[in-house]
Amino acid sequence: MIPQDPVILLSYINTQLRDNYGSLESLAEGLDLSQEELETIVSKLKSLGYEYHQGQNKFV
């Protein structure tokens, strides 16, 4: 289950990217997230001031 709290979500997503997935797309596929769910996650993290950085494969 994906955390709903944005701060916990940030930690969870970055940990998953670091430990298990080489890209945001592979994370979405691996966690069986729809495009809409992925966009919601990205939006929540953006509201905290974080954006996905492909080169670092994390939200910074």
PDB file of N, CA and C in Angstrom:
ATOM      1  N   MET A   1       0.850  -1.186   0.000  1.00  0.00           N
ATOM      2  CA  MET A   1       0.000   0.000   0.000  1.00  0.00           C
ATOM      3  C   MET A   1       0.890   1.241   0.000  1.00  0.00           C
ATOM      4  N   ILE A   2       0.545   2.189  -0.823  1.00  0.00           N
ATOM      5  CA  ILE A   2       1.298   3.428  -0.953  1.00  0.00           C
ATOM      6  C   ILE A   2       0.877   4.381   0.173  1.00  0.00           C
ATOM      7  N   PRO A   3       1.844   4.940   0.919  1.00  0.00           N
ATOM      8  CA  PRO A   3       1.499   5.894   1.978  1.00  0.00           C
ATOM      9  C   PRO A   3       0.775   7.112   1.414  1.00  0.00           C
ATOM     10  N   GLN A   4      -0.147   7.667   2.167  1.00  0.00           N
ATOM     11  CA  GLN A   4      -0.906   8.839   1.729  1.00  0.00           C
ATOM     12  C   GLN A   4      -0.295  10.145   2.226  1.00  0.00           C
ATOM     13  N   ASP A   5       0.348  10.111   3.383  1.00  0.00           N
ATOM     14  CA  ASP A   5       0.990  11.314   3.908  1.00  0.00           C
ATOM     15  C   ASP A   5       2.143  11.711   2.984  1.00  0.00           C
ATOM     16  N   PRO A   6       2.165  12.944   2.486  1.00  0.00           N
ATOM     17  CA  PRO A   6       3.181  13.340   1.509  1.00  0.00           C
ATOM     18  C   PRO A   6       4.630  13.169   1.971  1.00  0.00           C
ATOM     19  N   VAL A   7       4.922  13.438   3.226  1.00  0.00           N
ATOM     20  CA  VAL A   7       6.295  13.314   3.718  1.00  0.00           C
ATOM     21  C   VAL A   7       6.714  11.841   3.784  1.00  0.00           C
ATOM     22  N   ILE A   8       5.833  11.000   4.263  1.00  0.00           N
ATOM     23  CA  ILE A   8       6.117   9.565   4.305  1.00  0.00           C
ATOM     24  C   ILE A   8       6.180   9.016   2.879  1.00  0.00           C
ATOM     25  N   LEU A   9       5.324   9.517   2.014  1.00  0.00           N
ATOM     26  CA  LEU A   9       5.322   9.120   0.609  1.00  0.00           C
ATOM     27  C   LEU A   9       6.672   9.424  -0.033  1.00  0.00           C
ATOM     28  N   LEU A  10       7.224  10.587   0.218  1.00  0.00           N
ATOM     29  CA  LEU A  10       8.533  10.966  -0.318  1.00  0.00           C
ATOM     30  C   LEU A  10       9.591   9.950   0.094  1.00  0.00           C
ATOM     31  N   SER A  11       9.638   9.633   1.361  1.00  0.00           N
ATOM     32  CA  SER A  11      10.612   8.665   1.859  1.00  0.00           C
ATOM     33  C   SER A  11      10.404   7.295   1.226  1.00  0.00           C
ATOM     34  N   TYR A  12       9.168   6.862   1.163  1.00  0.00           N
ATOM     35  CA  TYR A  12       8.843   5.554   0.597  1.00  0.00           C
ATOM     36  C   TYR A  12       9.248   5.467  -0.872  1.00  0.00           C
ATOM     37  N   ILE A  13       8.855   6.461  -1.660  1.00  0.00           N
ATOM     38  CA  ILE A  13       9.142   6.437  -3.099  1.00  0.00           C
ATOM     39  C   ILE A  13      10.646   6.503  -3.346  1.00  0.00           C
ATOM     40  N   ASN A  14      11.350   7.394  -2.666  1.00  0.00           N
ATOM     41  CA  ASN A  14      12.800   7.479  -2.867  1.00  0.00           C
ATOM     42  C   ASN A  14      13.509   6.195  -2.436  1.00  0.00           C
ATOM     43  N   THR A  15      13.040   5.562  -1.382  1.00  0.00           N
ATOM     44  CA  THR A  15      13.625   4.291  -0.949  1.00  0.00           C
ATOM     45  C   THR A  15      13.381   3.211  -2.004  1.00  0.00           C
ATOM     46  N   GLN A  16      12.175   3.157  -2.527  1.00  0.00           N
ATOM     47  CA  GLN A  16      11.861   2.173  -3.564  1.00  0.00           C
ATOM     48  C   GLN A  16      12.722   2.410  -4.805  1.00  0.00           C
ATOM     49  N   LEU A  17      12.867   3.670  -5.205  1.00  0.00           N
ATOM     50  CA  LEU A  17      13.695   3.988  -6.366  1.00  0.00           C
ATOM     51  C   LEU A  17      15.147   3.593  -6.120  1.00  0.00           C
ATOM     52  N   ARG A  18      15.646   3.886  -4.948  1.00  0.00           N
ATOM     53  CA  ARG A  18      17.039   3.568  -4.628  1.00  0.00           C
ATOM     54  C   ARG A  18      17.289   2.067  -4.564  1.00  0.00           C
ATOM     55  N   ASP A  19      16.382   1.339  -3.934  1.00  0.00           N
ATOM     56  CA  ASP A  19      16.625  -0.072  -3.650  1.00  0.00           C
ATOM     57  C   ASP A  19      16.116  -1.044  -4.717  1.00  0.00           C
ATOM     58  N   ASN A  20      15.074  -0.653  -5.453  1.00  0.00           N
ATOM     59  CA  ASN A  20      14.405  -1.641  -6.295  1.00  0.00           C
ATOM     60  C   ASN A  20      14.168  -1.265  -7.750  1.00  0.00           C
ATOM     61  N   TYR A  21      14.163   0.008  -8.070  1.00  0.00           N
ATOM     62  CA  TYR A  21      13.748   0.418  -9.412  1.00  0.00           C
ATOM     63  C   TYR A  21      14.725   1.424 -10.009  1.00  0.00           C
ATOM     64  N   GLY A  22      15.005   1.263 -11.288  1.00  0.00           N
ATOM     65  CA  GLY A  22      15.956   2.121 -11.979  1.00  0.00           C
ATOM     66  C   GLY A  22      15.354   3.368 -12.590  1.00  0.00           C
ATOM     67  N   SER A  23      14.030   3.498 -12.512  1.00  0.00           N
ATOM     68  CA  SER A  23      13.369   4.675 -13.069  1.00  0.00           C
ATOM     69  C   SER A  23      11.981   4.809 -12.455  1.00  0.00           C
ATOM     70  N   LEU A  24      11.407   5.974 -12.652  1.00  0.00           N
ATOM     71  CA  LEU A  24      10.050   6.209 -12.171  1.00  0.00           C
ATOM     72  C   LEU A  24       9.056   5.308 -12.905  1.00  0.00           C
ATOM     73  N   GLU A  25       9.298   5.085 -14.186  1.00  0.00           N
ATOM     74  CA  GLU A  25       8.418   4.224 -14.972  1.00  0.00           C
ATOM     75  C   GLU A  25       8.475   2.774 -14.489  1.00  0.00           C
ATOM     76  N   SER A  26       9.671   2.290 -14.170  1.00  0.00           N
ATOM     77  CA  SER A  26       9.775   0.911 -13.681  1.00  0.00           C
ATOM     78  C   SER A  26       9.162   0.771 -12.290  1.00  0.00           C
ATOM     79  N   LEU A  27       9.235   1.819 -11.487  1.00  0.00           N
ATOM     80  CA  LEU A  27       8.572   1.808 -10.181  1.00  0.00           C
ATOM     81  C   LEU A  27       7.068   1.682 -10.372  1.00  0.00           C
ATOM     82  N   ALA A  28       6.508   2.481 -11.283  1.00  0.00           N
ATOM     83  CA  ALA A  28       5.063   2.431 -11.533  1.00  0.00           C
ATOM     84  C   ALA A  28       4.650   1.048 -12.012  1.00  0.00           C
ATOM     85  N   GLU A  29       5.442   0.480 -12.896  1.00  0.00           N
ATOM     86  CA  GLU A  29       5.131  -0.858 -13.407  1.00  0.00           C
ATOM     87  C   GLU A  29       5.247  -1.903 -12.301  1.00  0.00           C
ATOM     88  N   GLY A  30       6.318  -1.819 -11.533  1.00  0.00           N
ATOM     89  CA  GLY A  30       6.549  -2.795 -10.471  1.00  0.00           C
ATOM     90  C   GLY A  30       5.525  -2.741  -9.358  1.00  0.00           C
ATOM     91  N   LEU A  31       5.028  -1.542  -9.070  1.00  0.00           N
ATOM     92  CA  LEU A  31       4.013  -1.386  -8.022  1.00  0.00           C
ATOM     93  C   LEU A  31       2.601  -1.426  -8.585  1.00  0.00           C
ATOM     94  N   ASP A  32       2.500  -1.699  -9.894  1.00  0.00           N
ATOM     95  CA  ASP A  32       1.214  -1.793 -10.577  1.00  0.00           C
ATOM     96  C   ASP A  32       0.387  -0.524 -10.401  1.00  0.00           C
ATOM     97  N   LEU A  33       1.029   0.624 -10.629  1.00  0.00           N
ATOM     98  CA  LEU A  33       0.353   1.912 -10.527  1.00  0.00           C
ATOM     99  C   LEU A  33      -0.152   2.338 -11.899  1.00  0.00           C
ATOM    100  N   SER A  34      -1.350   2.874 -11.928  1.00  0.00           N
ATOM    101  CA  SER A  34      -1.874   3.431 -13.172  1.00  0.00           C
ATOM    102  C   SER A  34      -1.181   4.770 -13.426  1.00  0.00           C
ATOM    103  N   GLN A  35      -1.335   5.273 -14.640  1.00  0.00           N
ATOM    104  CA  GLN A  35      -0.758   6.588 -14.962  1.00  0.00           C
ATOM    105  C   GLN A  35      -1.348   7.655 -14.050  1.00  0.00           C
ATOM    106  N   GLU A  36      -2.624   7.557 -13.766  1.00  0.00           N
ATOM    107  CA  GLU A  36      -3.289   8.520 -12.887  1.00  0.00           C
ATOM    108  C   GLU A  36      -2.718   8.457 -11.464  1.00  0.00           C
ATOM    109  N   GLU A  37      -2.506   7.257 -10.960  1.00  0.00           N
ATOM    110  CA  GLU A  37      -1.933   7.109  -9.615  1.00  0.00           C
ATOM    111  C   GLU A  37      -0.521   7.683  -9.570  1.00  0.00           C
ATOM    112  N   LEU A  38       0.270   7.423 -10.610  1.00  0.00           N
ATOM    113  CA  LEU A  38       1.627   7.954 -10.667  1.00  0.00           C
ATOM    114  C   LEU A  38       1.595   9.474 -10.707  1.00  0.00           C
ATOM    115  N   GLU A  39       0.709  10.046 -11.495  1.00  0.00           N
ATOM    116  CA  GLU A  39       0.590  11.501 -11.582  1.00  0.00           C
ATOM    117  C   GLU A  39       0.174  12.104 -10.238  1.00  0.00           C
ATOM    118  N   THR A  40      -0.677  11.409  -9.500  1.00  0.00           N
ATOM    119  CA  THR A  40      -1.088  11.865  -8.169  1.00  0.00           C
ATOM    120  C   THR A  40       0.101  11.888  -7.219  1.00  0.00           C
ATOM    121  N   ILE A  41       0.919  10.849  -7.266  1.00  0.00           N
ATOM    122  CA  ILE A  41       2.118  10.784  -6.423  1.00  0.00           C
ATOM    123  C   ILE A  41       3.066  11.927  -6.774  1.00  0.00           C
ATOM    124  N   VAL A  42       3.327  12.113  -8.060  1.00  0.00           N
ATOM    125  CA  VAL A  42       4.230  13.176  -8.507  1.00  0.00           C
ATOM    126  C   VAL A  42       3.689  14.539  -8.076  1.00  0.00           C
ATOM    127  N   SER A  43       2.386  14.728  -8.177  1.00  0.00           N
ATOM    128  CA  SER A  43       1.752  15.987  -7.779  1.00  0.00           C
ATOM    129  C   SER A  43       1.896  16.238  -6.275  1.00  0.00           C
ATOM    130  N   LYS A  44       1.669  15.195  -5.475  1.00  0.00           N
ATOM    131  CA  LYS A  44       1.811  15.343  -4.018  1.00  0.00           C
ATOM    132  C   LYS A  44       3.237  15.734  -3.648  1.00  0.00           C
ATOM    133  N   LEU A  45       4.207  15.088  -4.290  1.00  0.00           N
ATOM    134  CA  LEU A  45       5.596  15.385  -3.966  1.00  0.00           C
ATOM    135  C   LEU A  45       5.990  16.773  -4.474  1.00  0.00           C
ATOM    136  N   LYS A  46       5.419  17.182  -5.585  1.00  0.00           N
ATOM    137  CA  LYS A  46       5.679  18.521  -6.112  1.00  0.00           C
ATOM    138  C   LYS A  46       5.131  19.577  -5.158  1.00  0.00           C
ATOM    139  N   SER A  47       4.012  19.279  -4.495  1.00  0.00           N
ATOM    140  CA  SER A  47       3.428  20.225  -3.537  1.00  0.00           C
ATOM    141  C   SER A  47       4.355  20.460  -2.350  1.00  0.00           C
ATOM    142  N   LEU A  48       5.276  19.521  -2.120  1.00  0.00           N
ATOM    143  CA  LEU A  48       6.283  19.682  -1.058  1.00  0.00           C
ATOM    144  C   LEU A  48       7.549  20.357  -1.579  1.00  0.00           C
ATOM    145  N   GLY A  49       7.592  20.593  -2.890  1.00  0.00           N
ATOM    146  CA  GLY A  49       8.767  21.211  -3.485  1.00  0.00           C
ATOM    147  C   GLY A  49       9.756  20.221  -4.066  1.00  0.00           C
ATOM    148  N   TYR A  50       9.348  18.975  -4.245  1.00  0.00           N
ATOM    149  CA  TYR A  50      10.231  17.936  -4.780  1.00  0.00           C
ATOM    150  C   TYR A  50       9.818  17.573  -6.197  1.00  0.00           C
ATOM    151  N   GLU A  51      10.811  17.405  -7.052  1.00  0.00           N
ATOM    152  CA  GLU A  51      10.572  16.963  -8.414  1.00  0.00           C
ATOM    153  C   GLU A  51      11.497  15.798  -8.717  1.00  0.00           C
ATOM    154  N   TYR A  52      11.037  14.924  -9.601  1.00  0.00           N
ATOM    155  CA  TYR A  52      11.830  13.760  -9.964  1.00  0.00           C
ATOM    156  C   TYR A  52      13.027  14.184 -10.804  1.00  0.00           C
ATOM    157  N   HIS A  53      14.202  13.723 -10.419  1.00  0.00           N
ATOM    158  CA  HIS A  53      15.440  13.974 -11.159  1.00  0.00           C
ATOM    159  C   HIS A  53      15.896  12.641 -11.728  1.00  0.00           C
ATOM    160  N   GLN A  54      15.764  12.509 -13.047  1.00  0.00           N
ATOM    161  CA  GLN A  54      16.046  11.227 -13.696  1.00  0.00           C
ATOM    162  C   GLN A  54      17.483  10.788 -13.496  1.00  0.00           C
ATOM    163  N   GLY A  55      18.441  11.711 -13.587  1.00  0.00           N
ATOM    164  CA  GLY A  55      19.857  11.361 -13.447  1.00  0.00           C
ATOM    165  C   GLY A  55      20.197  10.800 -12.077  1.00  0.00           C
ATOM    166  N   GLN A  56      19.523  11.303 -11.056  1.00  0.00           N
ATOM    167  CA  GLN A  56      19.751  10.807  -9.697  1.00  0.00           C
ATOM    168  C   GLN A  56      18.752   9.722  -9.316  1.00  0.00           C
ATOM    169  N   ASN A  57      17.726   9.547 -10.144  1.00  0.00           N
ATOM    170  CA  ASN A  57      16.660   8.581  -9.899  1.00  0.00           C
ATOM    171  C   ASN A  57      16.058   8.746  -8.515  1.00  0.00           C
ATOM    172  N   LYS A  58      15.702   9.987  -8.212  1.00  0.00           N
ATOM    173  CA  LYS A  58      15.016  10.274  -6.943  1.00  0.00           C
ATOM    174  C   LYS A  58      14.346  11.636  -7.016  1.00  0.00           C
ATOM    175  N   PHE A  59      13.488  11.876  -6.054  1.00  0.00           N
ATOM    176  CA  PHE A  59      12.867  13.170  -5.932  1.00  0.00           C
ATOM    177  C   PHE A  59      13.763  14.058  -5.083  1.00  0.00           C
ATOM    178  N   VAL A  60      14.108  15.213  -5.636  1.00  0.00           N
ATOM    179  CA  VAL A  60      14.995  16.158  -4.943  1.00  0.00           C
ATOM    180  C   VAL A  60      14.361  17.524  -4.894  1.00  0.00           C
TER     181      VAL A  60
END
